[in-house]
All heavy atoms as atom14 arrays in JSON, in Angstrom:
{
  "sequence": "VLSEFSENKRGILFSAEHLNSFMNLRLFEKAVSEFSGEEEDF",
  "atom14_mask": [
    [1, 1, 1, 1, 1, 1, 1, 0, 0, 0, 0, 0, 0, 0],
    [1, 1, 1, 1, 1, 1, 1, 1, 0, 0, 0, 0, 0, 0],
    [1, 1, 1, 1, 1, 1, 0, 0, 0, 0, 0, 0, 0, 0],
    [1, 1, 1, 1, 1, 1, 1, 1, 1, 0, 0, 0, 0, 0],
    [1, 1, 1, 1, 1, 1, 1, 1, 1, 1, 1, 0, 0, 0],
    [1, 1, 1, 1, 1, 1, 0, 0, 0, 0, 0, 0, 0, 0],
    [1, 1, 1, 1, 1, 1, 1, 1, 1, 0, 0, 0, 0, 0],
    [1, 1, 1, 1, 1, 1, 1, 1, 0, 0, 0, 0, 0, 0],
    [1, 1, 1, 1, 1, 1, 1, 1, 1, 0, 0, 0, 0, 0],
    [1, 1, 1, 1, 1, 1, 1, 1, 1, 1, 1, 0, 0, 0],
    [1, 1, 1, 1, 0, 0, 0, 0, 0, 0, 0, 0, 0, 0],
    [1, 1, 1, 1, 1, 1, 1, 1, 0, 0, 0, 0, 0, 0],
    [1, 1, 1, 1, 1, 1, 1, 1, 0, 0, 0, 0, 0, 0],
    [1, 1, 1, 1, 1, 1, 1, 1, 1, 1, 1, 0, 0, 0],
    [1, 1, 1, 1, 1, 1, 0, 0, 0, 0, 0, 0, 0, 0],
    [1, 1, 1, 1, 1, 0, 0, 0, 0, 0, 0, 0, 0, 0],
    [1, 1, 1, 1, 1, 1, 1, 1, 1, 0, 0, 0, 0, 0],
    [1, 1, 1, 1, 1, 1, 1, 1, 1, 1, 0, 0, 0, 0],
    [1, 1, 1, 1, 1, 1, 1, 1, 0, 0, 0, 0, 0, 0],
    [1, 1, 1, 1, 1, 1, 1, 1, 0, 0, 0, 0, 0, 0],
    [1, 1, 1, 1, 1, 1, 0, 0, 0, 0, 0, 0, 0, 0],
    [1, 1, 1, 1, 1, 1, 1, 1, 1, 1, 1, 0, 0, 0],
    [1, 1, 1, 1, 1, 1, 1, 1, 0, 0, 0, 0, 0, 0],
    [1, 1, 1, 1, 1, 1, 1, 1, 0, 0, 0, 0, 0, 0],
    [1, 1, 1, 1, 1, 1, 1, 1, 0, 0, 0, 0, 0, 0],
    [1, 1, 1, 1, 1, 1, 1, 1, 1, 1, 1, 0, 0, 0],
    [1, 1, 1, 1, 1, 1, 1, 1, 0, 0, 0, 0, 0, 0],
    [1, 1, 1, 1, 1, 1, 1, 1, 1, 1, 1, 0, 0, 0],
    [1, 1, 1, 1, 1, 1, 1, 1, 1, 0, 0, 0, 0, 0],
    [1, 1, 1, 1, 1, 1, 1, 1, 1, 0, 0, 0, 0, 0],
    [1, 1, 1, 1, 1, 0, 0, 0, 0, 0, 0, 0, 0, 0],
    [1, 1, 1, 1, 1, 1, 1, 0, 0, 0, 0, 0, 0, 0],
    [1, 1, 1, 1, 1, 1, 0, 0, 0, 0, 0, 0, 0, 0],
    [1, 1, 1, 1, 1, 1, 1, 1, 1, 0, 0, 0, 0, 0],
    [1, 1, 1, 1, 1, 1, 1, 1, 1, 1, 1, 0, 0, 0],
    [1, 1, 1, 1, 1, 1, 0, 0, 0, 0, 0, 0, 0, 0],
    [1, 1, 1, 1, 0, 0, 0, 0, 0, 0, 0, 0, 0, 0],
    [1, 1, 1, 1, 1, 1, 1, 1, 1, 0, 0, 0, 0, 0],
    [1, 1, 1, 1, 1, 1, 1, 1, 1, 0, 0, 0, 0, 0],
    [1, 1, 1, 1, 1, 1, 1, 1, 1, 0, 0, 0, 0, 0],
    [1, 1, 1, 1, 1, 1, 1, 1, 0, 0, 0, 0, 0, 0],
    [1, 1, 1, 1, 1, 1, 1, 1, 1, 1, 1, 0, 0, 0]
  ],
  "atom14_positions": [
    [[3.52, 10.29, 12.89], [2.35, 9.94, 13.59], [1.7, 8.7, 13.0], [1.29, 7.76, 13.73], [1.38, 11.1, 13.69], [-0.02, 10.62, 14.21], [1.86, 12.22, 14.53], [0.0, 0.0, 0.0], [0.0, 0.0, 0.0], [0.0, 0.0, 0.0], [0.0, 0.0, 0.0], [0.0, 0.0, 0.0], [0.0, 0.0, 0.0], [0.0, 0.0, 0.0]],
    [[1.54, 8.66, 11.67], [0.94, 7.55, 10.95], [1.76, 6.28, 11.16], [1.16, 5.24, 11.39], [0.78, 7.88, 9.47], [-0.32, 8.73, 9.04], [-0.27, 8.91, 7.56], [-1.7, 8.11, 9.36], [0.0, 0.0, 0.0], [0.0, 0.0, 0.0], [0.0, 0.0, 0.0], [0.0, 0.0, 0.0], [0.0, 0.0, 0.0], [0.0, 0.0, 0.0]],
    [[3.07, 6.44, 11.11], [3.94, 5.27, 11.25], [3.81, 4.64, 12.68], [3.73, 3.41, 12.83], [5.43, 5.6, 10.97], [5.52, 6.02, 9.64], [0.0, 0.0, 0.0], [0.0, 0.0, 0.0], [0.0, 0.0, 0.0], [0.0, 0.0, 0.0], [0.0, 0.0, 0.0], [0.0, 0.0, 0.0], [0.0, 0.0, 0.0], [0.0, 0.0, 0.0]],
    [[3.82, 5.53, 13.71], [3.76, 5.1, 15.05], [2.36, 4.44, 15.3], [2.28, 3.37, 15.96], [3.89, 6.3, 15.95], [3.73, 6.03, 17.43], [5.07, 5.6, 18.07], [6.12, 5.6, 17.37], [5.06, 5.25, 19.29], [0.0, 0.0, 0.0], [0.0, 0.0, 0.0], [0.0, 0.0, 0.0], [0.0, 0.0, 0.0], [0.0, 0.0, 0.0]],
    [[1.34, 5.05, 14.82], [-0.03, 4.54, 15.0], [-0.22, 3.2, 14.32], [-0.89, 2.26, 14.79], [-1.06, 5.54, 14.53], [-2.46, 5.02, 14.62], [-3.03, 4.88, 15.81], [-3.19, 4.76, 13.49], [-4.41, 4.37, 15.94], [-4.5, 4.23, 13.53], [-5.09, 4.02, 14.76], [0.0, 0.0, 0.0], [0.0, 0.0, 0.0], [0.0, 0.0, 0.0]],
    [[0.37, 3.01, 13.14], [0.18, 1.79, 12.34], [0.95, 0.6, 12.86], [0.63, -0.53, 12.46], [0.59, 2.05, 10.92], [-0.07, 3.08, 10.34], [0.0, 0.0, 0.0], [0.0, 0.0, 0.0], [0.0, 0.0, 0.0], [0.0, 0.0, 0.0], [0.0, 0.0, 0.0], [0.0, 0.0, 0.0], [0.0, 0.0, 0.0], [0.0, 0.0, 0.0]],
    [[1.93, 0.84, 13.71], [2.79, -0.23, 14.17], [1.95, -1.26, 14.94], [1.15, -0.98, 15.75], [3.86, 0.39, 15.1], [5.05, -0.52, 15.29], [6.27, 0.18, 15.96], [6.57, 1.28, 15.53], [6.81, -0.4, 16.94], [0.0, 0.0, 0.0], [0.0, 0.0, 0.0], [0.0, 0.0, 0.0], [0.0, 0.0, 0.0], [0.0, 0.0, 0.0]],
    [[2.29, -2.54, 14.58], [1.61, -3.71, 15.19], [0.15, -3.76, 15.05], [-0.56, -4.43, 15.83], [1.92, -3.7, 16.75], [3.42, -3.75, 16.97], [4.18, -4.49, 16.31], [3.87, -3.04, 17.97], [0.0, 0.0, 0.0], [0.0, 0.0, 0.0], [0.0, 0.0, 0.0], [0.0, 0.0, 0.0], [0.0, 0.0, 0.0], [0.0, 0.0, 0.0]],
    [[-0.37, -3.1, 13.98], [-1.78, -3.21, 13.69], [-1.92, -3.93, 12.36], [-1.13, -3.78, 11.41], [-2.48, -1.8, 13.61], [-2.62, -1.12, 14.91], [-3.34, 0.2, 14.74], [-3.7, 0.82, 16.13], [-2.48, 1.18, 16.87], [0.0, 0.0, 0.0], [0.0, 0.0, 0.0], [0.0, 0.0, 0.0], [0.0, 0.0, 0.0], [0.0, 0.0, 0.0]],
    [[-2.99, -4.68, 12.21], [-3.29, -5.44, 11.03], [-3.71, -4.41, 9.96], [-4.82, -3.82, 10.01], [-4.38, -6.48, 11.28], [-4.79, -7.26, 10.04], [-5.83, -8.36, 10.4], [-6.33, -9.01, 9.2], [-7.44, -8.67, 8.5], [-8.16, -7.64, 8.92], [-7.75, -9.39, 7.46], [0.0, 0.0, 0.0], [0.0, 0.0, 0.0], [0.0, 0.0, 0.0]],
    [[-2.96, -4.25, 8.96], [-3.36, -3.32, 7.96], [-2.17, -2.93, 7.04], [-1.18, -3.61, 6.94], [0.0, 0.0, 0.0], [0.0, 0.0, 0.0], [0.0, 0.0, 0.0], [0.0, 0.0, 0.0], [0.0, 0.0, 0.0], [0.0, 0.0, 0.0], [0.0, 0.0, 0.0], [0.0, 0.0, 0.0], [0.0, 0.0, 0.0], [0.0, 0.0, 0.0]],
    [[-2.38, -1.9, 6.24], [-1.42, -1.42, 5.28], [-1.21, 0.06, 5.41], [-2.08, 0.84, 5.57], [-2.01, -1.69, 3.85], [-2.19, -3.19, 3.57], [-1.07, -1.08, 2.76], [-3.01, -3.42, 2.3], [0.0, 0.0, 0.0], [0.0, 0.0, 0.0], [0.0, 0.0, 0.0], [0.0, 0.0, 0.0], [0.0, 0.0, 0.0], [0.0, 0.0, 0.0]],
    [[0.11, 0.47, 5.47], [0.51, 1.8, 5.46], [1.07, 2.13, 4.09], [2.13, 1.62, 3.73], [1.54, 2.12, 6.54], [2.2, 3.51, 6.52], [1.18, 4.56, 6.64], [3.2, 3.64, 7.62], [0.0, 0.0, 0.0], [0.0, 0.0, 0.0], [0.0, 0.0, 0.0], [0.0, 0.0, 0.0], [0.0, 0.0, 0.0], [0.0, 0.0, 0.0]],
    [[0.38, 2.9, 3.34], [0.81, 3.17, 1.95], [1.16, 4.7, 1.79], [0.36, 5.58, 2.22], [-0.37, 2.88, 0.93], [-0.12, 3.23, -0.47], [0.86, 2.58, -1.2], [-0.79, 4.34, -1.09], [1.07, 2.97, -2.5], [-0.54, 4.67, -2.36], [0.4, 4.01, -3.12], [0.0, 0.0, 0.0], [0.0, 0.0, 0.0], [0.0, 0.0, 0.0]],
    [[2.28, 4.93, 1.24], [2.75, 6.35, 1.01], [2.61, 6.67, -0.49], [3.28, 6.01, -1.32], [4.23, 6.43, 1.4], [4.36, 6.28, 2.77], [0.0, 0.0, 0.0], [0.0, 0.0, 0.0], [0.0, 0.0, 0.0], [0.0, 0.0, 0.0], [0.0, 0.0, 0.0], [0.0, 0.0, 0.0], [0.0, 0.0, 0.0], [0.0, 0.0, 0.0]],
    [[1.73, 7.53, -0.77], [1.46, 7.93, -2.2], [2.72, 8.68, -2.68], [3.33, 9.46, -1.87], [0.23, 8.79, -2.32], [0.0, 0.0, 0.0], [0.0, 0.0, 0.0], [0.0, 0.0, 0.0], [0.0, 0.0, 0.0], [0.0, 0.0, 0.0], [0.0, 0.0, 0.0], [0.0, 0.0, 0.0], [0.0, 0.0, 0.0], [0.0, 0.0, 0.0]],
    [[3.02, 8.53, -3.92], [4.2, 9.28, -4.55], [3.63, 10.42, -5.39], [2.45, 10.42, -5.75], [5.01, 8.29, -5.37], [5.55, 7.1, -4.61], [6.7, 7.45, -3.69], [7.24, 8.56, -3.88], [7.09, 6.66, -2.85], [0.0, 0.0, 0.0], [0.0, 0.0, 0.0], [0.0, 0.0, 0.0], [0.0, 0.0, 0.0], [0.0, 0.0, 0.0]],
    [[4.5, 11.32, -5.71], [4.14, 12.44, -6.63], [4.18, 11.9, -8.08], [4.97, 12.35, -8.87], [5.15, 13.61, -6.41], [5.01, 14.22, -5.09], [4.0, 15.11, -4.71], [5.82, 14.1, -3.99], [4.18, 15.46, -3.48], [5.27, 14.92, -3.03], [0.0, 0.0, 0.0], [0.0, 0.0, 0.0], [0.0, 0.0, 0.0], [0.0, 0.0, 0.0]],
    [[3.22, 10.99, -8.33], [3.09, 10.42, -9.66], [1.65, 10.48, -10.05], [0.8, 10.91, -9.31], [3.53, 8.86, -9.56], [4.96, 8.63, -9.11], [5.15, 7.16, -8.86], [6.0, 9.13, -10.13], [0.0, 0.0, 0.0], [0.0, 0.0, 0.0], [0.0, 0.0, 0.0], [0.0, 0.0, 0.0], [0.0, 0.0, 0.0], [0.0, 0.0, 0.0]],
    [[1.37, 10.07, -11.25], [-0.02, 10.07, -11.75], [-0.81, 8.97, -11.07], [-0.26, 8.09, -10.36], [-0.08, 10.0, -13.24], [0.49, 8.7, -13.83], [0.31, 7.63, -13.25], [1.2, 8.84, -14.89], [0.0, 0.0, 0.0], [0.0, 0.0, 0.0], [0.0, 0.0, 0.0], [0.0, 0.0, 0.0], [0.0, 0.0, 0.0], [0.0, 0.0, 0.0]],
    [[-2.12, 9.0, -11.23], [-2.99, 8.05, -10.54], [-2.69, 6.6, -10.92], [-2.74, 5.74, -10.11], [-4.47, 8.41, -10.91], [-5.38, 7.57, -10.2], [0.0, 0.0, 0.0], [0.0, 0.0, 0.0], [0.0, 0.0, 0.0], [0.0, 0.0, 0.0], [0.0, 0.0, 0.0], [0.0, 0.0, 0.0], [0.0, 0.0, 0.0], [0.0, 0.0, 0.0]],
    [[-2.43, 6.41, -12.22], [-2.16, 5.02, -12.7], [-0.92, 4.45, -11.99], [-0.97, 3.31, -11.51], [-1.89, 5.06, -14.18], [-1.54, 3.7, -14.75], [-2.49, 2.74, -15.04], [-0.17, 3.37, -14.94], [-2.14, 1.44, -15.57], [0.15, 2.16, -15.49], [-0.78, 1.2, -15.75], [0.0, 0.0, 0.0], [0.0, 0.0, 0.0], [0.0, 0.0, 0.0]],
    [[0.13, 5.21, -11.88], [1.35, 4.72, -11.24], [1.19, 4.47, -9.76], [1.64, 3.52, -9.16], [2.53, 5.67, -11.46], [3.02, 5.77, -12.97], [3.4, 4.13, -13.61], [4.85, 3.69, -12.55], [0.0, 0.0, 0.0], [0.0, 0.0, 0.0], [0.0, 0.0, 0.0], [0.0, 0.0, 0.0], [0.0, 0.0, 0.0], [0.0, 0.0, 0.0]],
    [[0.43, 5.34, -9.07], [0.17, 5.16, -7.64], [-0.77, 3.92, -7.47], [-0.59, 3.28, -6.48], [-0.52, 6.4, -7.04], [0.5, 7.42, -6.47], [1.35, 7.04, -5.66], [0.46, 8.65, -6.95], [0.0, 0.0, 0.0], [0.0, 0.0, 0.0], [0.0, 0.0, 0.0], [0.0, 0.0, 0.0], [0.0, 0.0, 0.0], [0.0, 0.0, 0.0]],
    [[-1.66, 3.66, -8.4], [-2.5, 2.53, -8.26], [-1.66, 1.23, -8.39], [-1.87, 0.25, -7.73], [-3.49, 2.51, -9.38], [-4.61, 1.38, -9.31], [-5.25, 1.21, -8.01], [-5.57, 1.49, -10.47], [0.0, 0.0, 0.0], [0.0, 0.0, 0.0], [0.0, 0.0, 0.0], [0.0, 0.0, 0.0], [0.0, 0.0, 0.0], [0.0, 0.0, 0.0]],
    [[-0.64, 1.28, -9.28], [0.29, 0.13, -9.36], [1.05, -0.1, -8.09], [1.33, -1.17, -7.61], [1.25, 0.31, -10.58], [0.6, 0.46, -11.93], [0.05, -0.86, -12.49], [-1.11, -1.38, -11.87], [-2.36, -0.88, -12.17], [-2.53, 0.08, -12.98], [-3.39, -1.42, -11.57], [0.0, 0.0, 0.0], [0.0, 0.0, 0.0], [0.0, 0.0, 0.0]],
    [[1.53, 1.01, -7.46], [2.23, 0.89, -6.18], [1.34, 0.41, -5.04], [1.73, -0.41, -4.27], [2.84, 2.29, -5.83], [3.92, 2.77, -6.73], [4.28, 4.25, -6.37], [5.12, 1.89, -6.73], [0.0, 0.0, 0.0], [0.0, 0.0, 0.0], [0.0, 0.0, 0.0], [0.0, 0.0, 0.0], [0.0, 0.0, 0.0], [0.0, 0.0, 0.0]],
    [[0.11, 0.85, -5.13], [-0.91, 0.4, -4.1], [-1.19, -1.07, -4.34], [-1.35, -1.9, -3.33], [-2.11, 1.22, -4.22], [-3.2, 0.97, -3.09], [-2.92, 1.37, -1.84], [-4.37, 0.3, -3.43], [-3.89, 1.13, -0.8], [-5.27, 0.01, -2.47], [-5.04, 0.45, -1.17], [0.0, 0.0, 0.0], [0.0, 0.0, 0.0], [0.0, 0.0, 0.0]],
    [[-1.31, -1.44, -5.53], [-1.53, -2.88, -5.89], [-0.4, -3.78, -5.29], [-0.6, -4.82, -4.73], [-1.54, -3.02, -7.41], [-1.95, -4.31, -8.04], [-2.03, -4.24, -9.5], [-0.95, -4.37, -10.13], [-3.08, -4.04, -10.03], [0.0, 0.0, 0.0], [0.0, 0.0, 0.0], [0.0, 0.0, 0.0], [0.0, 0.0, 0.0], [0.0, 0.0, 0.0]],
    [[0.79, -3.32, -5.46], [2.01, -4.02, -4.93], [1.89, -4.12, -3.39], [2.17, -5.2, -2.85], [3.26, -3.35, -5.34], [4.52, -4.01, -4.84], [5.78, -3.27, -5.26], [7.08, -4.0, -4.69], [8.28, -3.22, -5.14], [0.0, 0.0, 0.0], [0.0, 0.0, 0.0], [0.0, 0.0, 0.0], [0.0, 0.0, 0.0], [0.0, 0.0, 0.0]],
    [[1.54, -3.01, -2.75], [1.47, -2.98, -1.26], [0.39, -3.95, -0.77], [0.59, -4.69, 0.21], [1.21, -1.59, -0.78], [0.0, 0.0, 0.0], [0.0, 0.0, 0.0], [0.0, 0.0, 0.0], [0.0, 0.0, 0.0], [0.0, 0.0, 0.0], [0.0, 0.0, 0.0], [0.0, 0.0, 0.0], [0.0, 0.0, 0.0], [0.0, 0.0, 0.0]],
    [[-0.75, -3.98, -1.44], [-1.85, -4.89, -1.06], [-1.45, -6.37, -1.31], [-1.73, -7.26, -0.5], [-3.12, -4.54, -1.78], [-4.2, -5.58, -1.46], [-3.61, -3.16, -1.48], [0.0, 0.0, 0.0], [0.0, 0.0, 0.0], [0.0, 0.0, 0.0], [0.0, 0.0, 0.0], [0.0, 0.0, 0.0], [0.0, 0.0, 0.0], [0.0, 0.0, 0.0]],
    [[-0.72, -6.61, -2.39], [-0.26, -7.95, -2.73], [0.68, -8.49, -1.63], [0.62, -9.61, -1.26], [0.49, -7.93, -4.12], [-0.4, -7.65, -5.14], [0.0, 0.0, 0.0], [0.0, 0.0, 0.0], [0.0, 0.0, 0.0], [0.0, 0.0, 0.0], [0.0, 0.0, 0.0], [0.0, 0.0, 0.0], [0.0, 0.0, 0.0], [0.0, 0.0, 0.0]],
    [[1.54, -7.62, -1.1], [2.42, -7.95, -0.13], [1.7, -8.33, 1.24], [2.12, -9.22, 1.97], [3.45, -6.88, 0.25], [4.45, -6.66, -0.91], [5.34, -5.48, -0.7], [5.1, -4.74, 0.34], [6.29, -5.26, -1.52], [0.0, 0.0, 0.0], [0.0, 0.0, 0.0], [0.0, 0.0, 0.0], [0.0, 0.0, 0.0], [0.0, 0.0, 0.0]],
    [[0.6, -7.65, 1.41], [-0.2, -7.87, 2.66], [-0.96, -9.21, 2.46], [-1.0, -10.08, 3.39], [-1.17, -6.78, 2.93], [-2.15, -7.07, 3.97], [-1.84, -6.96, 5.35], [-3.49, -7.5, 3.74], [-2.77, -7.31, 6.32], [-4.35, -7.8, 4.64], [-4.04, -7.63, 6.01], [0.0, 0.0, 0.0], [0.0, 0.0, 0.0], [0.0, 0.0, 0.0]],
    [[-1.6, -9.43, 1.33], [-2.5, -10.55, 1.17], [-1.76, -11.89, 0.8], [-2.24, -12.94, 1.01], [-3.49, -10.26, 0.02], [-2.88, -10.16, -1.25], [0.0, 0.0, 0.0], [0.0, 0.0, 0.0], [0.0, 0.0, 0.0], [0.0, 0.0, 0.0], [0.0, 0.0, 0.0], [0.0, 0.0, 0.0], [0.0, 0.0, 0.0], [0.0, 0.0, 0.0]],
    [[-0.55, -11.7, 0.26], [0.18, -12.88, -0.19], [-0.3, -13.39, -1.48], [0.09, -14.5, -1.96], [0.0, 0.0, 0.0], [0.0, 0.0, 0.0], [0.0, 0.0, 0.0], [0.0, 0.0, 0.0], [0.0, 0.0, 0.0], [0.0, 0.0, 0.0], [0.0, 0.0, 0.0], [0.0, 0.0, 0.0], [0.0, 0.0, 0.0], [0.0, 0.0, 0.0]],
    [[-1.16, -12.62, -2.2], [-1.65, -12.98, -3.52], [-1.28, -11.91, -4.56], [-0.88, -10.8, -4.17], [-3.2, -13.04, -3.45], [-3.72, -14.08, -2.39], [-5.28, -14.05, -2.38], [-5.88, -13.49, -3.33], [-5.83, -14.64, -1.43], [0.0, 0.0, 0.0], [0.0, 0.0, 0.0], [0.0, 0.0, 0.0], [0.0, 0.0, 0.0], [0.0, 0.0, 0.0]],
    [[-1.37, -12.28, -5.83], [-1.04, -11.29, -6.83], [-2.37, -10.59, -7.21], [-3.22, -10.98, -7.95], [-0.51, -12.08, -8.12], [0.0, -11.07, -9.18], [0.68, -11.85, -10.29], [1.1, -12.97, -10.15], [0.83, -11.18, -11.38], [0.0, 0.0, 0.0], [0.0, 0.0, 0.0], [0.0, 0.0, 0.0], [0.0, 0.0, 0.0], [0.0, 0.0, 0.0]],
    [[-2.43, -9.39, -6.63], [-3.59, -8.56, -6.79], [-3.6, -7.8, -8.17], [-2.55, -7.54, -8.69], [-3.72, -7.47, -5.68], [-3.67, -8.04, -4.28], [-4.95, -8.76, -3.89], [-5.91, -8.71, -4.67], [-4.97, -9.41, -2.79], [0.0, 0.0, 0.0], [0.0, 0.0, 0.0], [0.0, 0.0, 0.0], [0.0, 0.0, 0.0], [0.0, 0.0, 0.0]],
    [[-4.74, -7.58, -8.67], [-4.91, -6.88, -9.94], [-6.03, -5.86, -9.86], [-7.23, -6.18, -9.72], [-5.19, -7.83, -11.04], [-5.36, -7.18, -12.43], [-4.82, -6.05, -12.6], [-6.01, -7.8, -13.35], [0.0, 0.0, 0.0], [0.0, 0.0, 0.0], [0.0, 0.0, 0.0], [0.0, 0.0, 0.0], [0.0, 0.0, 0.0], [0.0, 0.0, 0.0]],
    [[-5.69, -4.54, -9.85], [-6.65, -3.52, -9.65], [-6.75, -2.62, -10.95], [-5.88, -1.76, -11.11], [-6.31, -2.63, -8.45], [-6.2, -3.36, -7.14], [-5.25, -2.94, -6.24], [-7.06, -4.46, -6.86], [-5.15, -3.6, -5.02], [-6.93, -5.12, -5.68], [-6.04, -4.7, -4.69], [0.0, 0.0, 0.0], [0.0, 0.0, 0.0], [0.0, 0.0, 0.0]]
  ]
}
């Protein structure tokens, strides 16, 4: 449902992993960087 709804919309679809908060933050940082085209640092 999330994938279908997110299609063709301006935004980010992020899938959290079964990891600790720090590692998920790094994955989220990467996803946002791909969207913005900049090297994000969170």
